[in-house]
Protein backbone atom coordinates (compact mmCIF):
# COMPACT_ATOMS: atom_id res chain seq x y z
CA MET A 1 47.76 0.00 4.90
CA LEU A 2 44.37 1.24 3.83
CA ASN A 3 42.74 3.83 6.02
CA TYR A 4 39.30 2.30 6.74
CA ALA A 5 37.67 5.64 7.58
CA VAL A 6 38.88 7.22 4.35
CA VAL A 7 37.69 4.27 2.25
CA MET A 8 34.23 4.25 3.84
CA THR A 9 33.87 8.00 3.45
CA GLY A 10 34.59 7.66 -0.26
CA LEU A 11 32.10 4.85 -0.65
CA MET A 12 29.38 6.75 1.19
CA ALA A 13 29.94 9.88 -0.88
CA GLY A 14 29.09 7.94 -4.03
CA LEU A 15 25.78 6.60 -2.71
CA PRO A 16 22.34 8.18 -2.89
CA ALA A 17 21.42 10.14 0.23
CA ARG A 18 18.99 7.51 1.52
CA ALA A 19 21.31 4.56 0.92
CA GLY A 20 23.58 5.28 3.87
CA SER A 21 21.51 3.20 6.27
CA TRP A 22 21.90 0.17 3.97
CA VAL A 23 25.67 0.18 4.45
CA LEU A 24 26.23 1.29 8.02
CA PRO A 25 23.83 1.45 10.99
CA CYS A 26 22.64 4.95 11.82
CA VAL A 27 21.54 6.49 15.09
CA CYS A 28 17.84 7.27 15.39
CA PRO A 29 17.45 11.06 15.79
CA VAL A 30 14.63 10.62 18.33
CA CYS A 31 15.74 7.94 20.78
CA GLY A 32 19.39 7.33 19.90
CA GLY A 33 18.79 3.69 19.02
CA THR A 34 19.86 1.95 15.83
CA SER A 35 17.87 2.82 12.75
CA ALA A 36 16.02 0.11 10.85
CA TYR A 37 16.44 -1.01 7.24
CA ARG A 38 13.00 0.11 6.05
CA THR A 39 12.66 3.32 8.09
CA GLY A 40 15.79 5.20 7.03
CA PRO A 41 17.33 7.25 9.85
CA PHE A 42 14.62 6.31 12.37
CA CYS A 43 14.37 3.15 14.43
CA ALA A 44 11.25 1.09 13.75
CA ALA A 45 9.59 2.06 17.06
CA CYS A 46 10.02 5.81 16.57
CA TRP A 47 8.96 5.70 12.93
CA SER A 48 5.76 3.81 13.72
CA GLY A 49 5.20 6.01 16.78
CA LEU A 50 5.13 9.34 14.93
CA GLU A 51 1.76 10.84 15.84
CA ALA A 52 -0.45 11.33 12.77
CA TRP A 53 -2.70 14.40 12.60
CA GLY A 54 -5.72 12.22 11.88
CA ALA A 55 -9.24 13.14 10.75
CA ALA A 56 -9.52 16.83 9.91
CA CYS A 57 -11.59 19.40 8.06
CA ALA A 58 -10.74 19.11 4.38
CA ARG A 59 -10.75 22.90 4.00
CA CYS A 60 -8.94 24.32 7.05
CA GLY A 61 -7.19 21.26 8.46
CA ARG A 62 -8.68 21.48 11.96
CA ARG A 63 -9.26 18.17 13.68
CA ILE A 64 -12.86 16.97 13.45
CA SER A 65 -14.52 13.67 14.22
CA ALA A 66 -15.81 12.94 10.71
CA GLU A 67 -14.82 13.51 7.09
CA GLY A 68 -15.86 16.70 5.32
CA GLU A 69 -15.76 20.34 6.37
CA CYS A 70 -16.09 21.83 9.83
CA GLY A 71 -18.96 24.15 10.78
CA PRO A 72 -16.99 27.43 10.53
CA CYS A 73 -15.73 26.58 7.01
CA THR A 74 -19.24 25.68 5.89
CA LEU A 75 -20.65 28.97 7.16
CA ALA A 76 -17.75 31.20 6.07
CA PRO A 77 -15.43 29.47 3.57
CA PRO A 78 -11.79 30.61 3.91
CA ALA A 79 -9.56 31.67 1.01
CA GLN A 80 -8.05 28.21 0.56
CA GLU A 81 -9.86 25.20 -0.86
CA ALA A 82 -7.87 22.60 1.05
CA MET A 83 -5.35 22.20 3.86
CA ARG A 84 -3.58 19.02 4.97
CA HIS A 85 -1.24 18.16 7.88
CA ALA A 86 0.73 14.92 8.16
CA LEU A 87 1.74 14.85 11.84
CA ALA A 88 0.61 16.17 15.19
CA TYR A 89 3.41 18.26 16.68
CA GLU A 90 3.62 16.27 19.90
CA GLY A 91 5.43 13.28 21.38
CA ARG A 92 7.91 11.51 19.11
CA ALA A 93 6.76 13.51 16.10
CA ARG A 94 7.58 16.76 17.89
CA ASP A 95 11.02 15.48 18.86
CA ALA A 96 11.76 14.35 15.31
CA VAL A 97 10.55 17.55 13.63
CA HIS A 98 12.39 19.65 16.22
CA VAL A 99 15.70 17.92 15.37
CA TRP A 100 15.09 18.53 11.67
CA LYS A 101 13.97 22.15 11.86
CA PHE A 102 16.12 23.52 14.66
CA GLY A 103 19.09 21.18 14.32
CA ALA A 104 19.44 21.61 10.54
CA ALA A 105 19.15 17.83 10.12
CA TRP A 106 18.72 17.99 6.33
CA TYR A 107 18.80 14.19 5.98
CA LEU A 108 15.34 13.96 7.60
CA THR A 109 13.75 15.86 4.72
CA GLU A 110 13.39 12.71 2.61
CA PRO A 111 11.42 10.56 5.07
CA PHE A 112 9.28 13.56 6.02
CA ALA A 113 8.48 14.19 2.36
CA ASP A 114 7.42 10.54 2.11
CA LEU A 115 4.95 11.13 4.96
CA LEU A 116 3.54 14.25 3.32
CA LEU A 117 3.23 12.77 -0.18
CA PRO A 118 -0.12 10.95 0.35
CA HIS A 119 -1.64 14.20 1.62
CA LEU A 120 -0.47 15.99 -1.52
CA LYS A 121 -2.09 13.28 -3.64
CA SER A 122 -5.34 13.62 -1.68
CA LEU A 123 -5.92 17.24 -2.75
CA PRO A 124 -8.89 17.98 -5.02
CA GLU A 125 -8.69 17.59 -8.80
CA ALA A 126 -8.07 21.33 -9.27
CA PHE A 127 -4.57 20.76 -7.83
CA ALA A 128 -3.65 17.74 -9.96
CA GLU A 129 -0.95 19.70 -11.80
CA ALA A 130 -0.55 22.68 -9.48
CA PRO A 131 2.98 23.90 -8.77
CA LEU A 132 4.41 23.86 -5.29
CA THR A 133 5.49 27.00 -3.48
CA PHE A 134 6.58 27.56 0.12
CA VAL A 135 6.32 29.89 3.08
CA PRO A 136 9.30 32.21 2.59
CA PRO A 137 11.68 33.39 5.30
CA HIS A 138 12.65 37.01 5.73
CA PRO A 139 16.02 37.59 3.94
CA TRP A 140 17.68 38.50 7.23
CA ARG A 141 16.82 35.12 8.70
CA LEU A 142 18.47 33.35 5.76
CA LEU A 143 21.63 35.37 6.38
CA ARG A 144 21.72 33.98 9.91
CA LYS A 145 20.77 30.41 9.01
CA ASP A 146 21.10 29.01 5.50
CA PHE A 147 18.52 26.29 6.08
CA HIS A 148 14.87 26.67 5.16
CA PRO A 149 12.75 23.56 5.87
CA PRO A 150 9.61 24.56 3.86
CA LEU A 151 11.72 24.97 0.72
CA LEU A 152 13.47 21.64 1.32
CA LEU A 153 10.11 19.90 1.72
CA ALA A 154 8.71 21.52 -1.41
CA ARG A 155 11.74 20.46 -3.45
CA ALA A 156 11.54 16.88 -2.14
CA LEU A 157 7.84 16.69 -3.02
CA GLY A 158 8.56 18.20 -6.42
CA ALA A 159 11.19 15.55 -7.09
CA ARG A 160 8.71 12.81 -6.20
CA THR A 161 5.86 14.12 -8.36
CA GLY A 162 7.52 16.04 -11.18
CA ARG A 163 5.80 19.24 -10.09
CA PRO A 164 7.65 22.54 -10.45
CA VAL A 165 8.65 24.41 -7.30
CA VAL A 166 8.17 28.15 -7.75
CA SER A 167 8.93 31.08 -5.46
CA LEU A 168 5.72 33.10 -5.40
CA LEU A 169 5.83 34.81 -2.01
CA ALA A 170 8.11 37.23 -0.23
CA LYS A 171 8.25 38.15 3.43
CA THR A 172 8.56 41.90 3.74
CA SER A 173 8.31 42.44 7.48
CA LEU A 174 10.58 40.93 10.13
CA ARG A 175 8.70 40.18 13.32
CA ARG A 176 9.14 37.87 16.28
CA PRO A 177 8.96 34.15 15.39
CA GLN A 178 5.53 32.59 15.88
CA THR A 179 6.97 30.01 18.26
CA ALA A 180 8.02 32.79 20.65
CA LEU A 181 4.49 34.19 21.01
CA PRO A 182 1.35 33.13 22.88
CA ARG A 183 -1.53 31.84 20.79
CA LYS A 184 -3.54 35.07 20.80
CA LYS A 185 -0.65 37.14 19.45
CA ARG A 186 0.25 34.52 16.84
CA LEU A 187 -3.11 35.08 15.18
CA THR A 188 -2.25 38.70 14.37
CA ASN A 189 1.56 38.67 14.26
CA VAL A 190 1.76 37.64 10.59
CA ARG A 191 -0.84 39.99 9.14
CA GLY A 192 0.62 42.10 6.37
CA THR A 193 4.01 40.36 6.46
CA PHE A 194 3.76 38.56 3.09
CA THR A 195 3.33 39.76 -0.46
CA LEU A 196 3.50 38.34 -3.96
CA ARG A 197 7.00 38.54 -5.43
CA LYS A 198 7.35 41.29 -8.02
CA ASP A 199 8.70 38.82 -10.59
CA ALA A 200 6.04 36.17 -9.92
CA ALA A 201 3.17 35.36 -12.26
CA PRO A 202 0.21 33.93 -10.30
CA PRO A 203 -0.66 30.43 -11.57
CA GLU A 204 -4.19 29.08 -11.88
CA ALA A 205 -3.62 26.90 -8.81
CA ALA A 206 -0.87 26.73 -6.19
CA ILE A 207 0.04 24.64 -3.15
CA VAL A 208 1.86 26.31 -0.24
CA VAL A 209 4.22 24.05 1.75
CA ASP A 210 5.19 24.74 5.37
CA ASP A 211 7.00 22.83 8.08
CA ILE A 212 5.07 23.47 11.31
CA ALA A 213 1.65 25.06 11.61
CA THR A 214 0.90 26.36 15.09
CA THR A 215 -2.38 28.28 14.87
CA GLY A 216 -2.43 28.08 11.07
CA ALA A 217 -2.22 31.89 10.87
CA THR A 218 0.89 31.90 8.66
CA LEU A 219 -0.63 29.53 6.12
CA ARG A 220 -3.93 31.40 6.06
CA GLU A 221 -2.10 34.69 5.46
CA THR A 222 0.03 33.34 2.60
CA LEU A 223 -2.99 31.70 0.98
CA ALA A 224 -5.00 34.91 1.22
CA VAL A 225 -2.16 36.81 -0.46
CA LEU A 226 -2.14 34.34 -3.36
CA VAL A 227 -5.90 34.49 -3.82
CA ARG A 228 -5.89 38.29 -3.83
CA ALA A 229 -3.12 38.17 -6.43
CA GLY A 230 -5.26 36.10 -8.78
CA VAL A 231 -4.65 32.43 -7.85
CA ARG A 232 -8.04 30.78 -8.31
CA HIS A 233 -7.30 27.55 -6.42
CA ALA A 234 -5.09 27.68 -3.31
CA ALA A 235 -4.19 24.83 -0.95
CA ALA A 236 -1.67 24.23 1.82
CA LEU A 237 0.37 21.36 3.20
CA SER A 238 2.32 21.27 6.44
CA LEU A 239 4.44 18.51 7.87
CA ALA A 240 3.09 18.98 11.39
CA ARG A 241 0.49 21.01 13.25
CA THR A 242 0.29 21.89 16.91
CA PRO A 243 -2.80 20.27 18.52
């Protein structure tokens, strides 16, 4: 007799990563319900209920009530030219991103990259052909956990757009994770922790990809490093930002 489990495992192994939900029902990572045909691993309610970041300053990504730049960016422009966030890190979106980032749920990278893609395409013309890079982990953290969400997101976006993904940054100082610190300390905790890789050649323009932005301090620090190294146009994308 045929072993049904063995047969199905073989069939699934030969399918593209996103095709699994077309063959067998999957469990939604947020609510535990059955995933829907058009929403991949999520059920329709959780997918439609992911909280979008909404209207924000085109330069720093802070929420504002109208399009354009916020007052602080107008008065004192930051190093980056643009910053975009897809989701607000709250509610169902927080639950979904938490499962992906802290549960090593690699299969959620694809739908999250789909959410971030329109924000990549909305960047100014200077970034039309800019390569993607990512917020790097400290090497010791990779030894403990071989799963780095910003790199996965960058690669998924690169596959969708044909852009190269390059490793430009290195983290040289191991400090407490941002999520373990109060807001005031997060603003200074990352200063001086990143540098340009010794083997990296700064491109004309670059886009830094991150998973979760809390205060935005990490992204601002990495972007400042790139600009000081000679990158003329720097932008950032994050999947989610803490309100």
